[in-house]
Amino acid sequence: MRAKDLGLASCHTCGLLLKLPARGHVHCPRCGSVVHLRNMLTLAEAGAVVLPAMPGFYHRPQRVEDLVDFVVARVLDALGVEHALVRRWATPRPVPGTAPWDEGEV
């Protein structure tokens, strides 16, 4: 399920996740920017892929370079380029005697 299917959008200025009304413009409560869905729809219809530079923290980055590598890895994934910048996430398989937060790491 996509965020759009749930009526959610991200502010392009500050990244805050917002619940969208049925119609009209939404102003971000954090920074005041107008959240535009029409621009993203127009781009998607033209074949563009919108890839926000939003690093993840579930891979436990230790340095700023780890965050940069994560974002670059997502771009390379979208382009279909093989890389070894970050460890891949695997489907969690419960293993008796391990902590739940260790599941899925390879």
N, C-alpha and C. Protein backbone atom coordinates (compact mmCIF):
# COMPACT_ATOMS: atom_id res chain seq x y z
N MET A 1 0.85 -1.17 0.00
CA MET A 1 0.00 0.00 0.00
C MET A 1 0.89 1.23 0.00
N ARG A 2 0.54 2.21 -0.84
CA ARG A 2 1.32 3.42 -0.95
C ARG A 2 0.76 4.50 -0.04
N ALA A 3 1.60 5.47 0.28
CA ALA A 3 1.17 6.58 1.14
C ALA A 3 0.02 7.34 0.49
N LYS A 4 0.07 7.48 -0.85
CA LYS A 4 -0.99 8.18 -1.56
C LYS A 4 -2.34 7.47 -1.37
N ASP A 5 -2.32 6.13 -1.34
CA ASP A 5 -3.55 5.36 -1.14
C ASP A 5 -4.16 5.63 0.24
N LEU A 6 -3.34 6.01 1.19
CA LEU A 6 -3.81 6.31 2.54
C LEU A 6 -4.12 7.79 2.73
N GLY A 7 -3.95 8.58 1.66
CA GLY A 7 -4.21 10.01 1.76
C GLY A 7 -3.10 10.77 2.46
N LEU A 8 -1.86 10.29 2.30
CA LEU A 8 -0.72 10.93 2.95
C LEU A 8 0.19 11.56 1.91
N ALA A 9 0.85 12.64 2.28
CA ALA A 9 1.84 13.29 1.42
C ALA A 9 2.93 13.85 2.31
N SER A 10 4.10 14.04 1.72
CA SER A 10 5.23 14.59 2.44
C SER A 10 5.46 16.03 1.99
N CYS A 11 5.72 16.90 2.95
CA CYS A 11 6.05 18.29 2.63
C CYS A 11 7.40 18.30 1.93
N HIS A 12 7.49 19.01 0.79
CA HIS A 12 8.74 19.06 0.04
C HIS A 12 9.79 19.93 0.71
N THR A 13 9.38 20.79 1.61
CA THR A 13 10.32 21.69 2.27
C THR A 13 10.95 21.06 3.50
N CYS A 14 10.11 20.52 4.39
CA CYS A 14 10.64 20.02 5.66
C CYS A 14 10.51 18.50 5.83
N GLY A 15 9.76 17.84 4.93
CA GLY A 15 9.64 16.39 4.99
C GLY A 15 8.56 15.85 5.90
N LEU A 16 7.77 16.72 6.54
CA LEU A 16 6.72 16.27 7.45
C LEU A 16 5.66 15.49 6.69
N LEU A 17 5.22 14.35 7.23
CA LEU A 17 4.17 13.54 6.62
C LEU A 17 2.82 14.09 7.05
N LEU A 18 1.95 14.36 6.06
CA LEU A 18 0.67 15.01 6.32
C LEU A 18 -0.49 14.16 5.83
N LYS A 19 -1.61 14.23 6.55
CA LYS A 19 -2.87 13.64 6.10
C LYS A 19 -3.54 14.67 5.22
N LEU A 20 -3.91 14.29 3.99
CA LEU A 20 -4.47 15.24 3.03
C LEU A 20 -5.98 15.27 3.07
N PRO A 21 -6.56 16.47 2.88
CA PRO A 21 -8.02 16.55 2.76
C PRO A 21 -8.45 16.04 1.39
N ALA A 22 -9.75 15.87 1.19
CA ALA A 22 -10.26 15.35 -0.08
C ALA A 22 -9.90 16.27 -1.25
N ARG A 23 -9.92 17.58 -1.06
CA ARG A 23 -9.56 18.51 -2.13
C ARG A 23 -9.01 19.79 -1.52
N GLY A 24 -8.39 20.57 -2.37
CA GLY A 24 -7.84 21.84 -1.91
C GLY A 24 -6.37 21.73 -1.55
N HIS A 25 -5.81 22.85 -1.16
CA HIS A 25 -4.40 22.90 -0.80
C HIS A 25 -4.22 22.67 0.70
N VAL A 26 -3.08 22.16 1.05
CA VAL A 26 -2.73 21.94 2.45
C VAL A 26 -1.49 22.75 2.75
N HIS A 27 -1.51 23.44 3.86
CA HIS A 27 -0.31 24.14 4.32
C HIS A 27 0.34 23.30 5.41
N CYS A 28 1.64 23.12 5.30
CA CYS A 28 2.39 22.34 6.28
C CYS A 28 2.35 23.05 7.63
N PRO A 29 1.93 22.36 8.69
CA PRO A 29 1.89 23.01 10.00
C PRO A 29 3.28 23.31 10.56
N ARG A 30 4.30 22.61 10.07
CA ARG A 30 5.65 22.82 10.59
C ARG A 30 6.32 24.03 9.93
N CYS A 31 6.28 24.12 8.59
CA CYS A 31 7.03 25.19 7.91
C CYS A 31 6.14 26.15 7.13
N GLY A 32 4.85 25.83 6.95
CA GLY A 32 3.94 26.74 6.27
C GLY A 32 3.91 26.61 4.76
N SER A 33 4.71 25.72 4.18
CA SER A 33 4.72 25.55 2.73
C SER A 33 3.42 24.92 2.24
N VAL A 34 3.06 25.24 1.00
CA VAL A 34 1.90 24.61 0.39
C VAL A 34 2.33 23.26 -0.16
N VAL A 35 1.58 22.21 0.13
CA VAL A 35 1.88 20.87 -0.35
C VAL A 35 1.14 20.70 -1.68
N HIS A 36 1.88 20.50 -2.75
CA HIS A 36 1.31 20.39 -4.09
C HIS A 36 1.34 18.94 -4.56
N LEU A 37 0.18 18.36 -4.76
CA LEU A 37 0.11 17.02 -5.32
C LEU A 37 0.03 17.07 -6.84
N ARG A 38 -0.50 18.16 -7.39
CA ARG A 38 -0.67 18.26 -8.83
C ARG A 38 0.67 18.16 -9.55
N ASN A 39 1.71 18.79 -8.99
CA ASN A 39 3.03 18.74 -9.62
C ASN A 39 3.57 17.31 -9.67
N MET A 40 3.41 16.58 -8.57
CA MET A 40 3.90 15.19 -8.54
C MET A 40 3.11 14.33 -9.51
N LEU A 41 1.79 14.56 -9.61
CA LEU A 41 0.97 13.79 -10.54
C LEU A 41 1.39 14.06 -11.98
N THR A 42 1.61 15.32 -12.31
CA THR A 42 2.03 15.69 -13.66
C THR A 42 3.36 15.02 -14.00
N LEU A 43 4.29 15.04 -13.06
CA LEU A 43 5.59 14.39 -13.30
C LEU A 43 5.43 12.89 -13.48
N ALA A 44 4.63 12.26 -12.63
CA ALA A 44 4.43 10.81 -12.72
C ALA A 44 3.78 10.44 -14.04
N GLU A 45 2.80 11.23 -14.50
CA GLU A 45 2.17 10.96 -15.79
C GLU A 45 3.14 11.11 -16.95
N ALA A 46 4.15 11.96 -16.79
CA ALA A 46 5.17 12.14 -17.82
C ALA A 46 6.25 11.07 -17.76
N GLY A 47 6.17 10.18 -16.76
CA GLY A 47 7.13 9.08 -16.66
C GLY A 47 8.27 9.31 -15.69
N ALA A 48 8.22 10.42 -14.96
CA ALA A 48 9.29 10.70 -14.00
C ALA A 48 9.14 9.84 -12.75
N VAL A 49 10.23 9.60 -12.10
CA VAL A 49 10.24 8.92 -10.81
C VAL A 49 10.72 9.92 -9.78
N VAL A 50 9.90 10.19 -8.78
CA VAL A 50 10.26 11.13 -7.73
C VAL A 50 10.95 10.35 -6.62
N LEU A 51 12.23 10.66 -6.40
CA LEU A 51 13.02 9.98 -5.37
C LEU A 51 13.48 11.01 -4.34
N PRO A 52 12.73 11.17 -3.25
CA PRO A 52 13.18 12.13 -2.24
C PRO A 52 14.43 11.61 -1.53
N ALA A 53 15.33 12.52 -1.25
CA ALA A 53 16.57 12.16 -0.56
C ALA A 53 16.29 12.06 0.93
N MET A 54 15.69 10.94 1.33
CA MET A 54 15.31 10.74 2.73
C MET A 54 16.05 9.52 3.27
N PRO A 55 17.10 9.73 4.03
CA PRO A 55 17.86 8.58 4.54
C PRO A 55 17.07 7.78 5.57
N GLY A 56 17.33 6.50 5.60
CA GLY A 56 16.73 5.64 6.62
C GLY A 56 17.69 5.50 7.79
N PHE A 57 17.15 5.15 8.92
CA PHE A 57 17.99 4.99 10.11
C PHE A 57 17.93 3.58 10.67
N TYR A 58 17.16 2.69 10.00
CA TYR A 58 17.06 1.32 10.49
C TYR A 58 18.33 0.53 10.27
N HIS A 59 19.24 1.02 9.43
CA HIS A 59 20.52 0.32 9.22
C HIS A 59 21.59 0.81 10.19
N ARG A 60 21.18 1.62 11.15
CA ARG A 60 22.04 2.11 12.23
C ARG A 60 23.31 2.82 11.72
N PRO A 61 23.14 3.94 11.02
CA PRO A 61 24.32 4.65 10.50
C PRO A 61 25.19 5.18 11.63
N GLN A 62 26.48 5.15 11.42
CA GLN A 62 27.43 5.63 12.40
C GLN A 62 28.05 6.97 12.01
N ARG A 63 28.05 7.27 10.70
CA ARG A 63 28.67 8.49 10.19
C ARG A 63 27.73 9.15 9.17
N VAL A 64 27.99 10.40 8.85
CA VAL A 64 27.21 11.08 7.82
C VAL A 64 27.38 10.36 6.49
N GLU A 65 28.55 9.83 6.23
CA GLU A 65 28.80 9.11 4.98
C GLU A 65 27.87 7.90 4.85
N ASP A 66 27.51 7.27 5.97
CA ASP A 66 26.58 6.14 5.93
C ASP A 66 25.20 6.59 5.44
N LEU A 67 24.77 7.78 5.86
CA LEU A 67 23.49 8.31 5.40
C LEU A 67 23.53 8.65 3.91
N VAL A 68 24.64 9.24 3.47
CA VAL A 68 24.80 9.56 2.05
C VAL A 68 24.79 8.28 1.23
N ASP A 69 25.52 7.26 1.69
CA ASP A 69 25.56 5.98 0.98
C ASP A 69 24.16 5.38 0.87
N PHE A 70 23.35 5.52 1.91
CA PHE A 70 22.00 4.98 1.90
C PHE A 70 21.16 5.64 0.79
N VAL A 71 21.22 6.96 0.71
CA VAL A 71 20.44 7.69 -0.30
C VAL A 71 20.93 7.34 -1.70
N VAL A 72 22.24 7.30 -1.88
CA VAL A 72 22.81 6.95 -3.18
C VAL A 72 22.41 5.52 -3.55
N ALA A 73 22.41 4.62 -2.58
CA ALA A 73 22.01 3.23 -2.84
C ALA A 73 20.57 3.15 -3.32
N ARG A 74 19.67 3.96 -2.75
CA ARG A 74 18.26 3.95 -3.20
C ARG A 74 18.14 4.46 -4.63
N VAL A 75 18.94 5.46 -4.99
CA VAL A 75 18.93 5.96 -6.36
C VAL A 75 19.44 4.88 -7.31
N LEU A 76 20.53 4.23 -6.94
CA LEU A 76 21.08 3.15 -7.78
C LEU A 76 20.08 2.01 -7.91
N ASP A 77 19.37 1.68 -6.82
CA ASP A 77 18.32 0.65 -6.89
C ASP A 77 17.25 1.03 -7.90
N ALA A 78 16.82 2.29 -7.89
CA ALA A 78 15.79 2.74 -8.82
C ALA A 78 16.26 2.68 -10.26
N LEU A 79 17.56 2.87 -10.47
CA LEU A 79 18.13 2.79 -11.82
C LEU A 79 18.48 1.37 -12.23
N GLY A 80 18.41 0.43 -11.30
CA GLY A 80 18.74 -0.96 -11.60
C GLY A 80 20.23 -1.25 -11.63
N VAL A 81 21.01 -0.43 -10.93
CA VAL A 81 22.47 -0.60 -10.89
C VAL A 81 22.86 -1.38 -9.64
N GLU A 82 23.63 -2.44 -9.82
CA GLU A 82 24.11 -3.23 -8.68
C GLU A 82 25.13 -2.41 -7.89
N HIS A 83 25.12 -2.60 -6.58
CA HIS A 83 26.05 -1.87 -5.70
C HIS A 83 26.22 -2.64 -4.39
N ALA A 84 27.20 -2.21 -3.61
CA ALA A 84 27.44 -2.79 -2.28
C ALA A 84 27.62 -1.68 -1.26
N LEU A 85 26.85 -0.61 -1.40
CA LEU A 85 26.99 0.54 -0.49
C LEU A 85 26.42 0.28 0.88
N VAL A 86 25.29 -0.42 0.96
CA VAL A 86 24.65 -0.71 2.24
C VAL A 86 24.28 -2.18 2.27
N ARG A 87 24.14 -2.69 3.49
CA ARG A 87 23.71 -4.08 3.64
C ARG A 87 22.25 -4.21 3.22
N ARG A 88 21.93 -5.30 2.54
CA ARG A 88 20.56 -5.54 2.11
C ARG A 88 19.71 -6.01 3.27
N TRP A 89 18.44 -5.61 3.25
CA TRP A 89 17.48 -6.06 4.24
C TRP A 89 16.87 -7.34 3.71
N ALA A 90 16.82 -8.37 4.52
CA ALA A 90 16.25 -9.66 4.13
C ALA A 90 14.91 -9.86 4.83
N THR A 91 14.09 -10.73 4.28
CA THR A 91 12.81 -11.04 4.92
C THR A 91 13.09 -11.67 6.28
N PRO A 92 12.51 -11.11 7.35
CA PRO A 92 12.77 -11.65 8.68
C PRO A 92 12.30 -13.10 8.82
N ARG A 93 13.14 -13.91 9.39
CA ARG A 93 12.80 -15.29 9.72
C ARG A 93 13.04 -15.46 11.21
N PRO A 94 11.99 -15.76 11.96
CA PRO A 94 12.16 -15.90 13.41
C PRO A 94 13.17 -17.01 13.75
N VAL A 95 14.10 -16.67 14.59
CA VAL A 95 15.09 -17.64 15.05
C VAL A 95 14.98 -17.71 16.57
N PRO A 96 14.71 -18.89 17.11
CA PRO A 96 14.59 -19.00 18.57
C PRO A 96 15.86 -18.52 19.27
N GLY A 97 15.67 -17.75 20.32
CA GLY A 97 16.79 -17.29 21.12
C GLY A 97 17.41 -15.98 20.67
N THR A 98 16.85 -15.34 19.64
CA THR A 98 17.40 -14.05 19.19
C THR A 98 16.43 -12.92 19.52
N ALA A 99 16.96 -11.74 19.60
CA ALA A 99 16.13 -10.57 19.88
C ALA A 99 15.38 -10.15 18.62
N PRO A 100 14.13 -9.65 18.74
CA PRO A 100 13.35 -9.28 17.57
C PRO A 100 13.99 -8.19 16.71
N TRP A 101 14.76 -7.30 17.30
CA TRP A 101 15.37 -6.23 16.52
C TRP A 101 16.56 -6.72 15.70
N ASP A 102 17.03 -7.95 15.91
CA ASP A 102 18.10 -8.51 15.10
C ASP A 102 17.57 -9.20 13.85
N GLU A 103 16.27 -9.46 13.79
CA GLU A 103 15.71 -10.17 12.64
C GLU A 103 15.81 -9.33 11.40
N GLY A 104 16.14 -9.98 10.29
CA GLY A 104 16.17 -9.31 9.00
C GLY A 104 17.52 -8.74 8.62
N GLU A 105 18.44 -8.61 9.54
CA GLU A 105 19.75 -8.07 9.17
C GLU A 105 20.59 -9.17 8.56
N VAL A 106 21.26 -8.82 7.47
CA VAL A 106 22.15 -9.81 6.82
C VAL A 106 23.55 -9.27 6.78
